[in-house]
Amino acid sequence: MNGRKVTVIGSINMDLVTSTNQIPKVGETVLGNSFHSIPGGKGANQAVAAARLGADVTMIAAVGNDSFGKTLVEHLTNEGINTENIIKVKDTSTGIASIIVSEADNSIIVVPGANNHVTPEVIEKHENKIINSDIILLQLEISVESVIKAVELAKKHGVRTILNPAPIQKLPKELLEMVDYLTPNEHEQALLFDSIGGTEEELAKYKEKCIVTKGSKGVMIYKNGEKIEIPSFQVEAVDTTGAGDSFNGALAVALCDGLEIEEACRFANVVGAISVTKLGAQTGMPTKKKLKNFYKYINHLKWSEF
């Protein structure tokens, strides 16, 4: 299919995951069970999800001039993602997330590192790439100022935008008015609307842009002021990490293909469901082949010429 040019502007991290029976207290040392270095970052995750579904994906991002940066760029290149617009920042580490997992709970420290160098000036330098995109996909692991600049440029050239407002923070109304689609989860939506303030009538225009992800309960959209619930697909979940990123990448691809919002959400729900059947954010993200096999069992859903 043509018209699947997705540009992802966001974060690239290396996730450093340690499994242990007990999260240490301050000053305490405990033994761990296992350790893994796993490619991550919401931007990179969403880029991989879209690329595996056949999109022509470009990533605008930054890594440090270190071994993690080299490994992560190679990984994205191997996934078929255009990495020419990923800048390498000297004397700065690549972003990392240090994750301690214990008894189905976790403790996380994120060091943004080079992600902080995805500045509005960097975004402006890539205006031509934004112009030639079908959709721009953004998150909040880079600065809000950079997100605003990207949405401004997209709006200027009539390019649609999806903003996944995570990690959630207060956002200016000017950004929410410009963006085409917002994809918060239920918790993020509540905080987002609390930060905006205003009456129900004033919030209505923002709600119409919202595609609210609800995990195993599917997604909720607003249409002409009414809530529409779109159920998810029940699978045996192994690891829900990255399910939201899978959904966002799939949503971008579906919208590029001209699907109406409800059908696009159903398609993204399928991708999100498949993604939780394996350990790791990117590990379970389906390829086109795996998705086709899944669709054989969902006769009432059709995605023509996939």
C-alpha atoms as a PDB file:
ATOM      1  CA  MET A   1       0.000   0.000   0.000  1.00  0.00           C
ATOM      2  CA  ASN A   2       1.082   3.560  -0.637  1.00  0.00           C
ATOM      3  CA  GLY A   3       0.727   6.532   1.668  1.00  0.00           C
ATOM      4  CA  ARG A   4       2.244   4.927   4.738  1.00  0.00           C
ATOM      5  CA  LYS A   5       4.959   7.463   5.496  1.00  0.00           C
ATOM      6  CA  VAL A   6       5.076   7.643   9.287  1.00  0.00           C
ATOM      7  CA  THR A   7       7.563   9.947  10.995  1.00  0.00           C
ATOM      8  CA  VAL A   8       8.129   9.247  14.682  1.00  0.00           C
ATOM      9  CA  ILE A   9       9.645  12.051  16.735  1.00  0.00           C
ATOM     10  CA  GLY A  10      10.612  10.883  20.199  1.00  0.00           C
ATOM     11  CA  SER A  11      12.846   8.957  22.540  1.00  0.00           C
ATOM     12  CA  ILE A  12      15.341   6.145  22.159  1.00  0.00           C
ATOM     13  CA  ASN A  13      16.412   4.349  25.341  1.00  0.00           C
ATOM     14  CA  MET A  14      18.204   1.226  26.409  1.00  0.00           C
ATOM     15  CA  ASP A  15      16.159  -0.533  29.094  1.00  0.00           C
ATOM     16  CA  LEU A  16      18.404  -2.113  31.740  1.00  0.00           C
ATOM     17  CA  VAL A  17      16.154  -4.681  33.401  1.00  0.00           C
ATOM     18  CA  THR A  18      17.124  -6.498  36.605  1.00  0.00           C
ATOM     19  CA  SER A  19      14.915  -9.199  38.104  1.00  0.00           C
ATOM     20  CA  THR A  20      15.175  -9.823  41.845  1.00  0.00           C
ATOM     21  CA  ASN A  21      13.141 -11.384  44.645  1.00  0.00           C
ATOM     22  CA  GLN A  22      13.284  -8.187  46.664  1.00  0.00           C
ATOM     23  CA  ILE A  23      13.670  -4.512  45.740  1.00  0.00           C
ATOM     24  CA  PRO A  24      16.484  -3.212  47.967  1.00  0.00           C
ATOM     25  CA  LYS A  25      15.853  -0.596  50.615  1.00  0.00           C
ATOM     26  CA  VAL A  26      18.119   2.443  50.929  1.00  0.00           C
ATOM     27  CA  GLY A  27      21.627   1.247  51.815  1.00  0.00           C
ATOM     28  CA  GLU A  28      20.750  -2.405  51.246  1.00  0.00           C
ATOM     29  CA  THR A  29      22.350  -4.840  48.784  1.00  0.00           C
ATOM     30  CA  VAL A  30      20.406  -7.814  47.436  1.00  0.00           C
ATOM     31  CA  LEU A  31      21.156 -10.491  44.849  1.00  0.00           C
ATOM     32  CA  GLY A  32      19.431 -10.364  41.481  1.00  0.00           C
ATOM     33  CA  ASN A  33      18.095 -13.252  39.432  1.00  0.00           C
ATOM     34  CA  SER A  34      18.693 -11.983  35.890  1.00  0.00           C
ATOM     35  CA  PHE A  35      19.703  -8.947  33.848  1.00  0.00           C
ATOM     36  CA  HIS A  36      18.786  -7.916  30.299  1.00  0.00           C
ATOM     37  CA  SER A  37      19.577  -4.926  28.076  1.00  0.00           C
ATOM     38  CA  ILE A  38      16.478  -4.355  25.942  1.00  0.00           C
ATOM     39  CA  PRO A  39      15.900  -1.682  23.263  1.00  0.00           C
ATOM     40  CA  GLY A  40      13.215   0.746  24.424  1.00  0.00           C
ATOM     41  CA  GLY A  41      11.983   4.307  24.611  1.00  0.00           C
ATOM     42  CA  LYS A  42       8.405   5.138  23.666  1.00  0.00           C
ATOM     43  CA  GLY A  43       9.441   6.727  20.389  1.00  0.00           C
ATOM     44  CA  ALA A  44      11.548   3.772  19.289  1.00  0.00           C
ATOM     45  CA  ASN A  45       8.896   1.285  20.402  1.00  0.00           C
ATOM     46  CA  GLN A  46       6.201   3.000  18.350  1.00  0.00           C
ATOM     47  CA  ALA A  47       8.506   3.249  15.344  1.00  0.00           C
ATOM     48  CA  VAL A  48       9.183  -0.499  15.460  1.00  0.00           C
ATOM     49  CA  ALA A  49       5.469  -1.282  15.796  1.00  0.00           C
ATOM     50  CA  ALA A  50       4.646   0.756  12.671  1.00  0.00           C
ATOM     51  CA  ALA A  51       7.603  -0.575  10.656  1.00  0.00           C
ATOM     52  CA  ARG A  52       6.674  -4.203  11.317  1.00  0.00           C
ATOM     53  CA  LEU A  53       3.234  -3.479   9.869  1.00  0.00           C
ATOM     54  CA  GLY A  54       4.769  -2.328   6.607  1.00  0.00           C
ATOM     55  CA  ALA A  55       4.944   1.441   7.120  1.00  0.00           C
ATOM     56  CA  ASP A  56       7.764   3.550   5.678  1.00  0.00           C
ATOM     57  CA  VAL A  57       9.033   4.805   9.035  1.00  0.00           C
ATOM     58  CA  THR A  58      11.514   7.596   9.681  1.00  0.00           C
ATOM     59  CA  MET A  59      12.680   8.465  13.174  1.00  0.00           C
ATOM     60  CA  ILE A  60      13.787  11.914  14.328  1.00  0.00           C
ATOM     61  CA  ALA A  61      15.623  11.403  17.611  1.00  0.00           C
ATOM     62  CA  ALA A  62      18.993  11.530  19.361  1.00  0.00           C
ATOM     63  CA  VAL A  63      21.438   9.080  20.906  1.00  0.00           C
ATOM     64  CA  GLY A  64      24.766   9.517  22.625  1.00  0.00           C
ATOM     65  CA  ASN A  65      28.107   8.764  21.023  1.00  0.00           C
ATOM     66  CA  ASP A  66      28.402   5.570  23.067  1.00  0.00           C
ATOM     67  CA  SER A  67      27.951   1.819  22.676  1.00  0.00           C
ATOM     68  CA  PHE A  68      24.255   1.921  23.580  1.00  0.00           C
ATOM     69  CA  GLY A  69      23.655   4.547  20.919  1.00  0.00           C
ATOM     70  CA  LYS A  70      25.424   2.510  18.256  1.00  0.00           C
ATOM     71  CA  THR A  71      23.562  -0.670  19.227  1.00  0.00           C
ATOM     72  CA  LEU A  72      20.156   1.002  19.260  1.00  0.00           C
ATOM     73  CA  VAL A  73      20.593   2.732  15.891  1.00  0.00           C
ATOM     74  CA  GLU A  74      21.726  -0.563  14.348  1.00  0.00           C
ATOM     75  CA  HIS A  75      18.692  -2.275  15.852  1.00  0.00           C
ATOM     76  CA  LEU A  76      16.290   0.297  14.377  1.00  0.00           C
ATOM     77  CA  THR A  77      18.019   0.072  10.998  1.00  0.00           C
ATOM     78  CA  ASN A  78      17.601  -3.710  11.067  1.00  0.00           C
ATOM     79  CA  GLU A  79      13.885  -3.160  11.709  1.00  0.00           C
ATOM     80  CA  GLY A  80      13.694  -1.281   8.405  1.00  0.00           C
ATOM     81  CA  ILE A  81      13.458   2.180   9.974  1.00  0.00           C
ATOM     82  CA  ASN A  82      15.145   5.176   8.322  1.00  0.00           C
ATOM     83  CA  THR A  83      17.707   6.262  10.923  1.00  0.00           C
ATOM     84  CA  GLU A  84      19.414   9.013   8.896  1.00  0.00           C
ATOM     85  CA  ASN A  85      17.671  11.691  10.981  1.00  0.00           C
ATOM     86  CA  ILE A  86      18.861  10.349  14.337  1.00  0.00           C
ATOM     87  CA  ILE A  87      21.554  12.710  15.612  1.00  0.00           C
ATOM     88  CA  LYS A  88      24.558  11.488  17.616  1.00  0.00           C
ATOM     89  CA  VAL A  89      25.384  13.793  20.510  1.00  0.00           C
ATOM     90  CA  LYS A  90      28.979  13.997  21.743  1.00  0.00           C
ATOM     91  CA  ASP A  91      29.791  13.884  25.466  1.00  0.00           C
ATOM     92  CA  THR A  92      26.224  12.790  26.309  1.00  0.00           C
ATOM     93  CA  SER A  93      24.972   9.343  27.184  1.00  0.00           C
ATOM     94  CA  THR A  94      22.182   7.605  25.321  1.00  0.00           C
ATOM     95  CA  GLY A  95      18.926   7.596  27.285  1.00  0.00           C
ATOM     96  CA  ILE A  96      18.459   4.669  29.653  1.00  0.00           C
ATOM     97  CA  ALA A  97      15.754   3.272  31.895  1.00  0.00           C
ATOM     98  CA  SER A  98      17.037   1.305  34.891  1.00  0.00           C
ATOM     99  CA  ILE A  99      14.239  -1.098  35.814  1.00  0.00           C
ATOM    100  CA  ILE A 100      14.099  -3.365  38.852  1.00  0.00           C
ATOM    101  CA  VAL A 101      11.403  -6.029  38.618  1.00  0.00           C
ATOM    102  CA  SER A 102      10.244  -7.956  41.684  1.00  0.00           C
ATOM    103  CA  GLU A 103       7.056  -9.927  42.374  1.00  0.00           C
ATOM    104  CA  ALA A 104       5.041  -8.341  39.547  1.00  0.00           C
ATOM    105  CA  ASP A 105       6.076  -4.854  40.696  1.00  0.00           C
ATOM    106  CA  ASN A 106       8.830  -2.578  39.498  1.00  0.00           C
ATOM    107  CA  SER A 107      10.963   0.428  40.322  1.00  0.00           C
ATOM    108  CA  ILE A 108      12.241   2.589  37.462  1.00  0.00           C
ATOM    109  CA  ILE A 109      14.808   5.358  37.058  1.00  0.00           C
ATOM    110  CA  VAL A 110      14.873   7.086  33.658  1.00  0.00           C
ATOM    111  CA  VAL A 111      17.890   9.133  32.570  1.00  0.00           C
ATOM    112  CA  PRO A 112      16.876  11.035  29.383  1.00  0.00           C
ATOM    113  CA  GLY A 113      20.452  11.702  28.255  1.00  0.00           C
ATOM    114  CA  ALA A 114      20.570  12.474  24.535  1.00  0.00           C
ATOM    115  CA  ASN A 115      16.768  12.614  24.323  1.00  0.00           C
ATOM    116  CA  ASN A 116      17.026  16.113  25.810  1.00  0.00           C
ATOM    117  CA  HIS A 117      18.876  17.161  22.657  1.00  0.00           C
ATOM    118  CA  VAL A 118      15.820  16.710  20.439  1.00  0.00           C
ATOM    119  CA  THR A 119      15.241  20.478  20.599  1.00  0.00           C
ATOM    120  CA  PRO A 120      12.850  22.727  18.651  1.00  0.00           C
ATOM    121  CA  GLU A 121      15.860  23.770  16.550  1.00  0.00           C
ATOM    122  CA  VAL A 122      16.512  20.133  15.635  1.00  0.00           C
ATOM    123  CA  ILE A 123      12.835  19.719  14.698  1.00  0.00           C
ATOM    124  CA  GLU A 124      12.995  22.792  12.447  1.00  0.00           C
ATOM    125  CA  LYS A 125      15.999  21.357  10.607  1.00  0.00           C
ATOM    126  CA  HIS A 126      13.850  18.369   9.679  1.00  0.00           C
ATOM    127  CA  GLU A 127      10.861  20.349   8.392  1.00  0.00           C
ATOM    128  CA  ASN A 128      11.217  18.796   4.942  1.00  0.00           C
ATOM    129  CA  LYS A 129      10.836  15.307   6.419  1.00  0.00           C
ATOM    130  CA  ILE A 130       7.684  16.420   8.247  1.00  0.00           C
ATOM    131  CA  ILE A 131       6.249  17.910   5.038  1.00  0.00           C
ATOM    132  CA  ASN A 132       6.699  14.599   3.213  1.00  0.00           C
ATOM    133  CA  SER A 133       5.029  12.487   5.906  1.00  0.00           C
ATOM    134  CA  ASP A 134       1.499  11.144   5.958  1.00  0.00           C
ATOM    135  CA  ILE A 135       1.323  11.232   9.737  1.00  0.00           C
ATOM    136  CA  ILE A 136       3.548  12.378  12.626  1.00  0.00           C
ATOM    137  CA  LEU A 137       3.629  10.297  15.815  1.00  0.00           C
ATOM    138  CA  LEU A 138       4.805  11.948  19.059  1.00  0.00           C
ATOM    139  CA  GLN A 139       5.126  11.228  22.787  1.00  0.00           C
ATOM    140  CA  LEU A 140       6.313  13.205  25.826  1.00  0.00           C
ATOM    141  CA  GLU A 141       9.758  11.708  26.441  1.00  0.00           C
ATOM    142  CA  ILE A 142      11.227  14.725  24.642  1.00  0.00           C
ATOM    143  CA  SER A 143      10.541  18.324  25.651  1.00  0.00           C
ATOM    144  CA  VAL A 144       7.048  19.777  25.295  1.00  0.00           C
ATOM    145  CA  GLU A 145       8.575  22.697  23.388  1.00  0.00           C
ATOM    146  CA  SER A 146       9.894  20.277  20.768  1.00  0.00           C
ATOM    147  CA  VAL A 147       6.524  18.537  20.531  1.00  0.00           C
ATOM    148  CA  ILE A 148       4.821  21.913  20.018  1.00  0.00           C
ATOM    149  CA  LYS A 149       7.275  22.834  17.256  1.00  0.00           C
ATOM    150  CA  ALA A 150       6.682  19.514  15.478  1.00  0.00           C
ATOM    151  CA  VAL A 151       2.900  19.895  15.658  1.00  0.00           C
ATOM    152  CA  GLU A 152       3.122  23.514  14.465  1.00  0.00           C
ATOM    153  CA  LEU A 153       5.114  22.467  11.393  1.00  0.00           C
ATOM    154  CA  ALA A 154       2.773  19.560  10.692  1.00  0.00           C
ATOM    155  CA  LYS A 155      -0.276  21.805  11.011  1.00  0.00           C
ATOM    156  CA  LYS A 156       1.319  24.366   8.704  1.00  0.00           C
ATOM    157  CA  HIS A 157       1.712  21.758   5.973  1.00  0.00           C
ATOM    158  CA  GLY A 158      -1.542  19.856   6.534  1.00  0.00           C
ATOM    159  CA  VAL A 159       0.084  16.734   7.984  1.00  0.00           C
ATOM    160  CA  ARG A 160      -1.910  14.837  10.611  1.00  0.00           C
ATOM    161  CA  THR A 161      -0.509  14.281  14.096  1.00  0.00           C
ATOM    162  CA  ILE A 162      -0.978  11.736  16.868  1.00  0.00           C
ATOM    163  CA  LEU A 163       0.198  12.672  20.365  1.00  0.00           C
ATOM    164  CA  ASN A 164       0.546   9.913  22.936  1.00  0.00           C
ATOM    165  CA  PRO A 165       0.629  12.086  26.111  1.00  0.00           C
ATOM    166  CA  ALA A 166       2.944   9.891  28.164  1.00  0.00           C
ATOM    167  CA  PRO A 167       4.530  10.310  30.572  1.00  0.00           C
ATOM    168  CA  ILE A 168       1.638  12.627  31.401  1.00  0.00           C
ATOM    169  CA  GLN A 169       2.241  16.268  32.262  1.00  0.00           C
ATOM    170  CA  LYS A 170       0.374  19.533  32.005  1.00  0.00           C
ATOM    171  CA  LEU A 171       0.057  20.555  28.373  1.00  0.00           C
ATOM    172  CA  PRO A 172      -0.773  23.979  26.925  1.00  0.00           C
ATOM    173  CA  LYS A 173      -4.178  24.361  25.295  1.00  0.00           C
ATOM    174  CA  GLU A 174      -2.523  25.631  22.123  1.00  0.00           C
ATOM    175  CA  LEU A 175      -0.912  22.210  21.643  1.00  0.00           C
ATOM    176  CA  LEU A 176      -4.136  20.310  22.317  1.00  0.00           C
ATOM    177  CA  GLU A 177      -5.996  22.518  19.856  1.00  0.00           C
ATOM    178  CA  MET A 178      -3.468  21.860  17.078  1.00  0.00           C
ATOM    179  CA  VAL A 179      -3.015  18.092  17.458  1.00  0.00           C
ATOM    180  CA  ASP A 180      -5.359  15.797  15.524  1.00  0.00           C
ATOM    181  CA  TYR A 181      -5.461  12.751  17.810  1.00  0.00           C
ATOM    182  CA  LEU A 182      -4.664  12.239  21.499  1.00  0.00           C
ATOM    183  CA  THR A 183      -4.092   8.706  22.817  1.00  0.00           C
ATOM    184  CA  PRO A 184      -4.033   8.811  26.640  1.00  0.00           C
ATOM    185  CA  ASN A 185      -4.877   5.905  28.895  1.00  0.00           C
ATOM    186  CA  GLU A 186      -7.675   6.411  31.443  1.00  0.00           C
ATOM    187  CA  HIS A 187      -5.346   7.768  34.131  1.00  0.00           C
ATOM    188  CA  GLU A 188      -3.605  10.116  31.702  1.00  0.00           C
ATOM    189  CA  GLN A 189      -6.912  11.393  30.344  1.00  0.00           C
ATOM    190  CA  ALA A 190      -8.155  12.305  33.820  1.00  0.00           C
ATOM    191  CA  LEU A 191      -4.957  14.194  34.659  1.00  0.00           C
ATOM    192  CA  LEU A 192      -4.924  15.863  31.250  1.00  0.00           C
ATOM    193  CA  PHE A 193      -8.443  17.248  31.607  1.00  0.00           C
ATOM    194  CA  ASP A 194      -7.839  18.269  35.230  1.00  0.00           C
ATOM    195  CA  SER A 195      -4.828  20.302  34.091  1.00  0.00           C
ATOM    196  CA  ILE A 196      -6.814  21.995  31.314  1.00  0.00           C
ATOM    197  CA  GLY A 197      -9.752  22.964  33.513  1.00  0.00           C
ATOM    198  CA  GLY A 198     -12.948  24.461  32.164  1.00  0.00           C
ATOM    199  CA  THR A 199     -16.553  23.356  31.829  1.00  0.00           C
ATOM    200  CA  GLU A 200     -17.795  20.158  30.202  1.00  0.00           C
ATOM    201  CA  GLU A 201     -18.706  22.163  27.110  1.00  0.00           C
ATOM    202  CA  GLU A 202     -15.199  23.645  26.913  1.00  0.00           C
ATOM    203  CA  LEU A 203     -13.620  20.202  27.294  1.00  0.00           C
ATOM    204  CA  ALA A 204     -15.852  18.646  24.633  1.00  0.00           C
ATOM    205  CA  LYS A 205     -13.631  19.717  21.725  1.00  0.00           C
ATOM    206  CA  TYR A 206     -10.623  18.024  23.326  1.00  0.00           C
ATOM    207  CA  LYS A 207     -12.547  14.839  24.123  1.00  0.00           C
ATOM    208  CA  GLU A 208     -13.474  14.430  20.457  1.00  0.00           C
ATOM    209  CA  LYS A 209      -9.736  14.101  19.717  1.00  0.00           C
ATOM    210  CA  CYS A 210      -9.209  11.448  22.383  1.00  0.00           C
ATOM    211  CA  ILE A 211      -8.717   7.749  21.798  1.00  0.00           C
ATOM    212  CA  VAL A 212      -8.553   6.454  25.370  1.00  0.00           C
ATOM    213  CA  THR A 213      -6.755   3.138  25.815  1.00  0.00           C
ATOM    214  CA  LYS A 214      -8.134   0.925  28.602  1.00  0.00           C
ATOM    215  CA  GLY A 215      -5.895  -2.124  28.511  1.00  0.00           C
ATOM    216  CA  SER A 216      -7.817  -5.395  28.386  1.00  0.00           C
ATOM    217  CA  LYS A 217     -11.082  -3.412  28.240  1.00  0.00           C
ATOM    218  CA  GLY A 218     -10.245  -1.967  24.833  1.00  0.00           C
ATOM    219  CA  VAL A 219     -10.518   1.710  23.899  1.00  0.00           C
ATOM    220  CA  MET A 220     -13.048   4.487  24.197  1.00  0.00           C
ATOM    221  CA  ILE A 221     -13.648   7.277  21.708  1.00  0.00           C
ATOM    222  CA  TYR A 222     -16.016  10.240  21.672  1.00  0.00           C
ATOM    223  CA  LYS A 223     -18.270  10.859  18.704  1.00  0.00           C
ATOM    224  CA  ASN A 224     -20.718  13.760  18.627  1.00  0.00           C
ATOM    225  CA  GLY A 225     -20.481  13.961  22.393  1.00  0.00           C
ATOM    226  CA  GLU A 226     -21.241  10.271  22.935  1.00  0.00           C
ATOM    227  CA  LYS A 227     -18.838   7.655  24.281  1.00  0.00           C
ATOM    228  CA  ILE A 228     -18.192   4.657  22.047  1.00  0.00           C
ATOM    229  CA  GLU A 229     -16.550   1.590  23.590  1.00  0.00           C
ATOM    230  CA  ILE A 230     -14.453  -0.575  21.268  1.00  0.00           C
ATOM    231  CA  PRO A 231     -13.620  -3.911  22.958  1.00  0.00           C
ATOM    232  CA  SER A 232     -10.198  -5.485  22.951  1.00  0.00           C
ATOM    233  CA  PHE A 233      -9.358  -9.084  22.003  1.00  0.00           C
ATOM    234  CA  GLN A 234      -8.832 -11.472  24.882  1.00  0.00           C
ATOM    235  CA  VAL A 235      -5.481 -13.252  24.854  1.00  0.00           C
ATOM    236  CA  GLU A 236      -3.268 -14.849  27.478  1.00  0.00           C
ATOM    237  CA  ALA A 237      -1.104 -11.915  28.540  1.00  0.00           C
ATOM    238  CA  VAL A 238       2.548 -12.558  29.330  1.00  0.00           C
ATOM    239  CA  ASP A 239       3.857  -8.975  29.510  1.00  0.00           C
ATOM    240  CA  THR A 240       1.790  -5.822  28.945  1.00  0.00           C
ATOM    241  CA  THR A 241       4.882  -3.612  28.584  1.00  0.00           C
ATOM    242  CA  GLY A 242       4.705  -1.791  25.266  1.00  0.00           C
ATOM    243  CA  ALA A 243       1.057  -2.610  24.541  1.00  0.00           C
ATOM    244  CA  GLY A 244       0.228   1.090  24.338  1.00  0.00           C
ATOM    245  CA  ASP A 245       3.187   1.698  22.029  1.00  0.00           C
ATOM    246  CA  SER A 246       2.040  -1.159  19.787  1.00  0.00           C
ATOM    247  CA  PHE A 247      -1.437   0.372  19.685  1.00  0.00           C
ATOM    248  CA  ASN A 248      -0.094   3.798  18.714  1.00  0.00           C
ATOM    249  CA  GLY A 249       2.148   2.464  15.959  1.00  0.00           C
ATOM    250  CA  ALA A 250      -0.716   0.419  14.542  1.00  0.00           C
ATOM    251  CA  LEU A 251      -3.138   3.344  14.787  1.00  0.00           C
ATOM    252  CA  ALA A 252      -0.769   5.497  12.739  1.00  0.00           C
ATOM    253  CA  VAL A 253      -0.558   2.839  10.020  1.00  0.00           C
ATOM    254  CA  ALA A 254      -4.329   2.304   9.936  1.00  0.00           C
ATOM    255  CA  LEU A 255      -5.045   6.033   9.657  1.00  0.00           C
ATOM    256  CA  CYS A 256      -2.484   6.325   6.858  1.00  0.00           C
ATOM    257  CA  ASP A 257      -4.436   3.650   5.021  1.00  0.00           C
ATOM    258  CA  GLY A 258      -7.614   5.713   5.272  1.00  0.00           C
ATOM    259  CA  LEU A 259      -9.494   3.628   7.818  1.00  0.00           C
ATOM    260  CA  GLU A 260     -12.274   5.380   9.727  1.00  0.00           C
ATOM    261  CA  ILE A 261     -11.449   5.946  13.362  1.00  0.00           C
ATOM    262  CA  GLU A 262     -13.520   3.040  14.748  1.00  0.00           C
ATOM    263  CA  GLU A 263     -12.056   0.494  12.341  1.00  0.00           C
ATOM    264  CA  ALA A 264      -8.572   1.931  12.922  1.00  0.00           C
ATOM    265  CA  CYS A 265      -9.022   1.399  16.666  1.00  0.00           C
ATOM    266  CA  ARG A 266     -10.215  -2.176  16.156  1.00  0.00           C
ATOM    267  CA  PHE A 267      -7.153  -2.896  14.068  1.00  0.00           C
ATOM    268  CA  ALA A 268      -4.846  -1.292  16.658  1.00  0.00           C
ATOM    269  CA  ASN A 269      -6.573  -3.361  19.365  1.00  0.00           C
ATOM    270  CA  VAL A 270      -5.610  -6.540  17.494  1.00  0.00           C
ATOM    271  CA  VAL A 271      -1.985  -5.435  17.297  1.00  0.00           C
ATOM    272  CA  GLY A 272      -1.970  -4.466  20.980  1.00  0.00           C
ATOM    273  CA  ALA A 273      -3.442  -7.833  21.958  1.00  0.00           C
ATOM    274  CA  ILE A 274      -0.808  -9.788  20.052  1.00  0.00           C
ATOM    275  CA  SER A 275       1.972  -7.673  21.564  1.00  0.00           C
ATOM    276  CA  VAL A 276       1.262  -8.779  25.152  1.00  0.00           C
ATOM    277  CA  THR A 277       1.717 -12.483  24.370  1.00  0.00           C
ATOM    278  CA  LYS A 278       5.511 -12.274  24.673  1.00  0.00           C
ATOM    279  CA  LEU A 279       7.980 -10.823  27.167  1.00  0.00           C
ATOM    280  CA  GLY A 280       9.397  -7.378  26.319  1.00  0.00           C
ATOM    281  CA  ALA A 281       7.994  -4.230  24.729  1.00  0.00           C
ATOM    282  CA  GLN A 282       9.230  -4.834  21.183  1.00  0.00           C
ATOM    283  CA  THR A 283       9.515  -8.619  21.265  1.00  0.00           C
ATOM    284  CA  GLY A 284       5.789  -9.264  20.907  1.00  0.00           C
ATOM    285  CA  MET A 285       5.059  -6.601  18.296  1.00  0.00           C
ATOM    286  CA  PRO A 286       3.601  -8.467  15.312  1.00  0.00           C
ATOM    287  CA  THR A 287       4.893  -8.523  11.771  1.00  0.00           C
ATOM    288  CA  LYS A 288       2.480  -8.465   8.838  1.00  0.00           C
ATOM    289  CA  LYS A 289       2.737 -12.246   8.543  1.00  0.00           C
ATOM    290  CA  LYS A 290       1.816 -12.858  12.169  1.00  0.00           C
ATOM    291  CA  LEU A 291      -1.018 -10.385  11.934  1.00  0.00           C
ATOM    292  CA  LYS A 292      -2.444 -12.131   8.871  1.00  0.00           C
ATOM    293  CA  ASN A 293      -2.463 -15.416  10.769  1.00  0.00           C
ATOM    294  CA  PHE A 294      -4.294 -13.764  13.659  1.00  0.00           C
ATOM    295  CA  TYR A 295      -6.867 -12.276  11.297  1.00  0.00           C
ATOM    296  CA  LYS A 296      -7.821 -15.734  10.055  1.00  0.00           C
ATOM    297  CA  TYR A 297      -9.583 -16.216  13.376  1.00  0.00           C
ATOM    298  CA  ILE A 298     -11.362 -12.846  13.330  1.00  0.00           C
ATOM    299  CA  ASN A 299     -13.669 -13.137  10.363  1.00  0.00           C
ATOM    300  CA  HIS A 300     -15.786 -10.075  11.155  1.00  0.00           C
ATOM    301  CA  LEU A 301     -12.758  -7.772  10.831  1.00  0.00           C
ATOM    302  CA  LYS A 302     -11.330  -6.936   7.448  1.00  0.00           C
ATOM    303  CA  TRP A 303      -8.383  -4.819   6.482  1.00  0.00           C
ATOM    304  CA  SER A 304      -8.448  -4.856   2.703  1.00  0.00           C
ATOM    305  CA  GLU A 305      -5.315  -5.675   0.743  1.00  0.00           C
ATOM    306  CA  PHE A 306      -3.216  -5.936   3.882  1.00  0.00           C
END
